[in-house]
Amino acid sequence: MVQRRSACYLASGRPVVAQDTGFAGRLPTGAGLLAFATVAEAVDALERVDADYDFHAARARRIATDELDSAVVLRDLLRHAGVCSG
């Protein structure tokens, strides 16, 4: 999952470029949150953020609210625990 520091960056509207440790399969990537596996991919991601920072900043904040907000996470946790169905 995304590190706590990265989650804080996303919540404050700061784009994150991070090595993909499996989070790319669970969170939207490519805008605001960019995953890389190689140095070339990291450079490309940084260049993409630099070329349109405002777009990536807005997407970062959106990822935080849509995917990492406590209400979203708690609802999913309770559903997986079988406590609720909604």
N, C-alpha and C. Protein backbone atom coordinates (compact mmCIF):
# COMPACT_ATOMS: atom_id res chain seq x y z
N MET A 1 0.84 -1.18 0.00
CA MET A 1 0.00 0.00 0.00
C MET A 1 0.88 1.24 0.00
N VAL A 2 0.27 2.37 -0.21
CA VAL A 2 1.00 3.63 -0.23
C VAL A 2 1.50 3.96 1.18
N GLN A 3 2.71 4.43 1.27
CA GLN A 3 3.29 4.82 2.55
C GLN A 3 2.51 5.99 3.15
N ARG A 4 2.56 6.11 4.46
CA ARG A 4 1.84 7.19 5.16
C ARG A 4 2.27 8.56 4.63
N ARG A 5 3.56 8.76 4.43
CA ARG A 5 4.05 10.05 3.94
C ARG A 5 3.46 10.35 2.56
N SER A 6 3.42 9.35 1.70
CA SER A 6 2.84 9.54 0.36
C SER A 6 1.36 9.87 0.46
N ALA A 7 0.65 9.21 1.36
CA ALA A 7 -0.77 9.49 1.55
C ALA A 7 -0.97 10.94 2.01
N CYS A 8 -0.10 11.42 2.87
CA CYS A 8 -0.18 12.82 3.32
C CYS A 8 0.09 13.77 2.17
N TYR A 9 1.06 13.45 1.33
CA TYR A 9 1.34 14.28 0.16
C TYR A 9 0.12 14.34 -0.75
N LEU A 10 -0.48 13.18 -1.03
CA LEU A 10 -1.67 13.15 -1.88
C LEU A 10 -2.77 14.00 -1.28
N ALA A 11 -3.00 13.85 0.02
CA ALA A 11 -4.07 14.60 0.69
C ALA A 11 -3.85 16.10 0.64
N SER A 12 -2.59 16.51 0.59
CA SER A 12 -2.31 17.95 0.52
C SER A 12 -2.17 18.42 -0.92
N GLY A 13 -2.51 17.57 -1.87
CA GLY A 13 -2.48 17.97 -3.27
C GLY A 13 -1.09 18.00 -3.87
N ARG A 14 -0.23 17.15 -3.36
CA ARG A 14 1.14 17.07 -3.89
C ARG A 14 1.29 15.74 -4.63
N PRO A 15 1.64 15.78 -5.90
CA PRO A 15 1.81 14.54 -6.66
C PRO A 15 2.88 13.65 -6.05
N VAL A 16 2.70 12.35 -6.23
CA VAL A 16 3.65 11.36 -5.69
C VAL A 16 4.18 10.51 -6.84
N VAL A 17 5.49 10.39 -6.90
CA VAL A 17 6.16 9.46 -7.81
C VAL A 17 6.85 8.45 -6.90
N ALA A 18 6.44 7.20 -6.99
CA ALA A 18 6.94 6.19 -6.05
C ALA A 18 7.18 4.86 -6.77
N GLN A 19 8.16 4.15 -6.25
CA GLN A 19 8.43 2.82 -6.78
C GLN A 19 7.22 1.93 -6.54
N ASP A 20 6.82 1.23 -7.58
CA ASP A 20 5.64 0.37 -7.47
C ASP A 20 5.97 -0.86 -6.64
N THR A 21 5.38 -0.92 -5.46
CA THR A 21 5.55 -2.06 -4.57
C THR A 21 4.27 -2.87 -4.48
N GLY A 22 3.38 -2.67 -5.46
CA GLY A 22 2.12 -3.38 -5.49
C GLY A 22 0.91 -2.47 -5.41
N PHE A 23 1.10 -1.21 -5.06
CA PHE A 23 -0.04 -0.32 -4.90
C PHE A 23 -0.72 0.00 -6.23
N ALA A 24 0.00 -0.11 -7.32
CA ALA A 24 -0.58 0.24 -8.63
C ALA A 24 -1.73 -0.69 -8.99
N GLY A 25 -1.79 -1.84 -8.39
CA GLY A 25 -2.91 -2.74 -8.63
C GLY A 25 -4.14 -2.39 -7.82
N ARG A 26 -4.00 -1.48 -6.85
CA ARG A 26 -5.11 -1.14 -5.95
C ARG A 26 -5.54 0.32 -6.05
N LEU A 27 -4.66 1.17 -6.52
CA LEU A 27 -4.96 2.60 -6.61
C LEU A 27 -4.78 3.08 -8.04
N PRO A 28 -5.52 4.11 -8.43
CA PRO A 28 -5.34 4.65 -9.78
C PRO A 28 -3.98 5.34 -9.89
N THR A 29 -3.27 5.03 -10.94
CA THR A 29 -1.96 5.64 -11.16
C THR A 29 -1.92 6.28 -12.54
N GLY A 30 -0.91 7.07 -12.76
CA GLY A 30 -0.72 7.71 -14.06
C GLY A 30 -0.96 9.20 -14.02
N ALA A 31 -1.71 9.67 -13.04
CA ALA A 31 -1.97 11.10 -12.87
C ALA A 31 -2.13 11.36 -11.38
N GLY A 32 -1.26 12.16 -10.83
CA GLY A 32 -1.29 12.45 -9.40
C GLY A 32 -0.49 11.46 -8.58
N LEU A 33 -0.61 10.21 -8.92
CA LEU A 33 0.16 9.13 -8.30
C LEU A 33 0.77 8.32 -9.43
N LEU A 34 2.07 8.41 -9.56
CA LEU A 34 2.76 7.77 -10.66
C LEU A 34 3.71 6.71 -10.12
N ALA A 35 3.56 5.50 -10.63
CA ALA A 35 4.38 4.38 -10.18
C ALA A 35 5.50 4.13 -11.19
N PHE A 36 6.63 3.67 -10.69
CA PHE A 36 7.73 3.32 -11.58
C PHE A 36 8.40 2.05 -11.11
N ALA A 37 9.02 1.35 -12.07
CA ALA A 37 9.77 0.14 -11.75
C ALA A 37 11.23 0.27 -12.17
N THR A 38 11.51 1.18 -13.09
CA THR A 38 12.88 1.37 -13.57
C THR A 38 13.27 2.83 -13.44
N VAL A 39 14.55 3.09 -13.55
CA VAL A 39 15.03 4.48 -13.50
C VAL A 39 14.42 5.28 -14.64
N ALA A 40 14.35 4.69 -15.82
CA ALA A 40 13.77 5.40 -16.97
C ALA A 40 12.31 5.76 -16.71
N GLU A 41 11.55 4.87 -16.10
CA GLU A 41 10.15 5.15 -15.77
C GLU A 41 10.06 6.25 -14.71
N ALA A 42 10.98 6.27 -13.77
CA ALA A 42 10.98 7.32 -12.74
C ALA A 42 11.25 8.68 -13.38
N VAL A 43 12.22 8.73 -14.26
CA VAL A 43 12.54 9.99 -14.95
C VAL A 43 11.34 10.46 -15.76
N ASP A 44 10.71 9.55 -16.48
CA ASP A 44 9.53 9.88 -17.28
C ASP A 44 8.41 10.42 -16.38
N ALA A 45 8.18 9.78 -15.26
CA ALA A 45 7.13 10.22 -14.33
C ALA A 45 7.42 11.62 -13.81
N LEU A 46 8.65 11.87 -13.43
CA LEU A 46 9.01 13.20 -12.93
C LEU A 46 8.84 14.27 -14.01
N GLU A 47 9.20 13.93 -15.23
CA GLU A 47 9.04 14.87 -16.34
C GLU A 47 7.56 15.15 -16.60
N ARG A 48 6.72 14.13 -16.49
CA ARG A 48 5.28 14.31 -16.70
C ARG A 48 4.68 15.22 -15.63
N VAL A 49 5.09 15.02 -14.39
CA VAL A 49 4.59 15.87 -13.30
C VAL A 49 5.06 17.31 -13.51
N ASP A 50 6.33 17.47 -13.87
CA ASP A 50 6.89 18.80 -14.08
C ASP A 50 6.20 19.53 -15.23
N ALA A 51 5.81 18.79 -16.26
CA ALA A 51 5.19 19.40 -17.44
C ALA A 51 3.78 19.91 -17.17
N ASP A 52 3.07 19.32 -16.19
CA ASP A 52 1.69 19.75 -15.90
C ASP A 52 1.41 19.56 -14.41
N TYR A 53 2.13 20.31 -13.59
CA TYR A 53 2.06 20.15 -12.15
C TYR A 53 0.64 20.36 -11.61
N ASP A 54 -0.04 21.40 -12.09
CA ASP A 54 -1.38 21.70 -11.56
C ASP A 54 -2.35 20.54 -11.78
N PHE A 55 -2.30 19.92 -12.96
CA PHE A 55 -3.15 18.76 -13.25
C PHE A 55 -2.84 17.62 -12.29
N HIS A 56 -1.55 17.31 -12.12
CA HIS A 56 -1.17 16.20 -11.24
C HIS A 56 -1.50 16.51 -9.78
N ALA A 57 -1.37 17.77 -9.39
CA ALA A 57 -1.71 18.15 -8.01
C ALA A 57 -3.20 17.94 -7.75
N ALA A 58 -4.03 18.34 -8.70
CA ALA A 58 -5.48 18.15 -8.54
C ALA A 58 -5.83 16.66 -8.50
N ARG A 59 -5.21 15.87 -9.34
CA ARG A 59 -5.46 14.42 -9.35
C ARG A 59 -4.98 13.78 -8.05
N ALA A 60 -3.87 14.27 -7.51
CA ALA A 60 -3.36 13.73 -6.24
C ALA A 60 -4.40 13.91 -5.14
N ARG A 61 -4.95 15.09 -5.05
CA ARG A 61 -5.96 15.37 -4.02
C ARG A 61 -7.20 14.50 -4.24
N ARG A 62 -7.57 14.32 -5.50
CA ARG A 62 -8.74 13.50 -5.82
C ARG A 62 -8.53 12.04 -5.42
N ILE A 63 -7.33 11.53 -5.64
CA ILE A 63 -7.03 10.15 -5.24
C ILE A 63 -7.17 10.02 -3.73
N ALA A 64 -6.67 10.99 -3.01
CA ALA A 64 -6.76 10.94 -1.54
C ALA A 64 -8.21 10.92 -1.08
N THR A 65 -9.04 11.77 -1.65
CA THR A 65 -10.43 11.82 -1.20
C THR A 65 -11.24 10.62 -1.67
N ASP A 66 -10.96 10.15 -2.88
CA ASP A 66 -11.74 9.02 -3.42
C ASP A 66 -11.28 7.66 -2.91
N GLU A 67 -10.01 7.52 -2.59
CA GLU A 67 -9.45 6.21 -2.28
C GLU A 67 -8.93 6.05 -0.85
N LEU A 68 -8.49 7.14 -0.23
CA LEU A 68 -7.80 7.03 1.06
C LEU A 68 -8.55 7.69 2.22
N ASP A 69 -9.67 8.33 1.94
CA ASP A 69 -10.45 8.95 3.00
C ASP A 69 -10.87 7.90 4.02
N SER A 70 -10.90 8.28 5.28
CA SER A 70 -11.20 7.31 6.34
C SER A 70 -12.56 6.65 6.16
N ALA A 71 -13.55 7.39 5.67
CA ALA A 71 -14.88 6.80 5.47
C ALA A 71 -14.83 5.70 4.41
N VAL A 72 -14.06 5.92 3.37
CA VAL A 72 -13.92 4.92 2.30
C VAL A 72 -13.18 3.69 2.82
N VAL A 73 -12.07 3.92 3.49
CA VAL A 73 -11.25 2.82 3.99
C VAL A 73 -12.00 2.02 5.04
N LEU A 74 -12.68 2.70 5.97
CA LEU A 74 -13.42 2.00 7.03
C LEU A 74 -14.57 1.18 6.45
N ARG A 75 -15.29 1.73 5.49
CA ARG A 75 -16.39 1.00 4.86
C ARG A 75 -15.87 -0.29 4.22
N ASP A 76 -14.75 -0.19 3.49
CA ASP A 76 -14.16 -1.37 2.85
C ASP A 76 -13.67 -2.38 3.89
N LEU A 77 -13.07 -1.90 4.95
CA LEU A 77 -12.59 -2.77 6.02
C LEU A 77 -13.74 -3.53 6.66
N LEU A 78 -14.82 -2.83 6.97
CA LEU A 78 -15.98 -3.48 7.59
C LEU A 78 -16.63 -4.48 6.64
N ARG A 79 -16.67 -4.14 5.36
CA ARG A 79 -17.24 -5.05 4.37
C ARG A 79 -16.41 -6.32 4.29
N HIS A 80 -15.08 -6.19 4.23
CA HIS A 80 -14.20 -7.36 4.16
C HIS A 80 -14.26 -8.20 5.43
N ALA A 81 -14.53 -7.55 6.57
CA ALA A 81 -14.64 -8.27 7.85
C ALA A 81 -16.01 -8.93 8.00
N GLY A 82 -16.91 -8.64 7.08
CA GLY A 82 -18.23 -9.23 7.15
C GLY A 82 -19.16 -8.54 8.12
N VAL A 83 -18.80 -7.36 8.58
CA VAL A 83 -19.61 -6.64 9.55
C VAL A 83 -20.78 -5.91 8.88
N CYS A 84 -20.57 -5.46 7.66
CA CYS A 84 -21.65 -4.78 6.94
C CYS A 84 -21.60 -5.19 5.47
N SER A 85 -22.68 -4.95 4.78
CA SER A 85 -22.73 -5.33 3.37
C SER A 85 -22.67 -4.11 2.45
N GLY A 86 -22.79 -2.91 2.98
CA GLY A 86 -22.81 -1.70 2.15
C GLY A 86 -21.55 -1.07 2.09
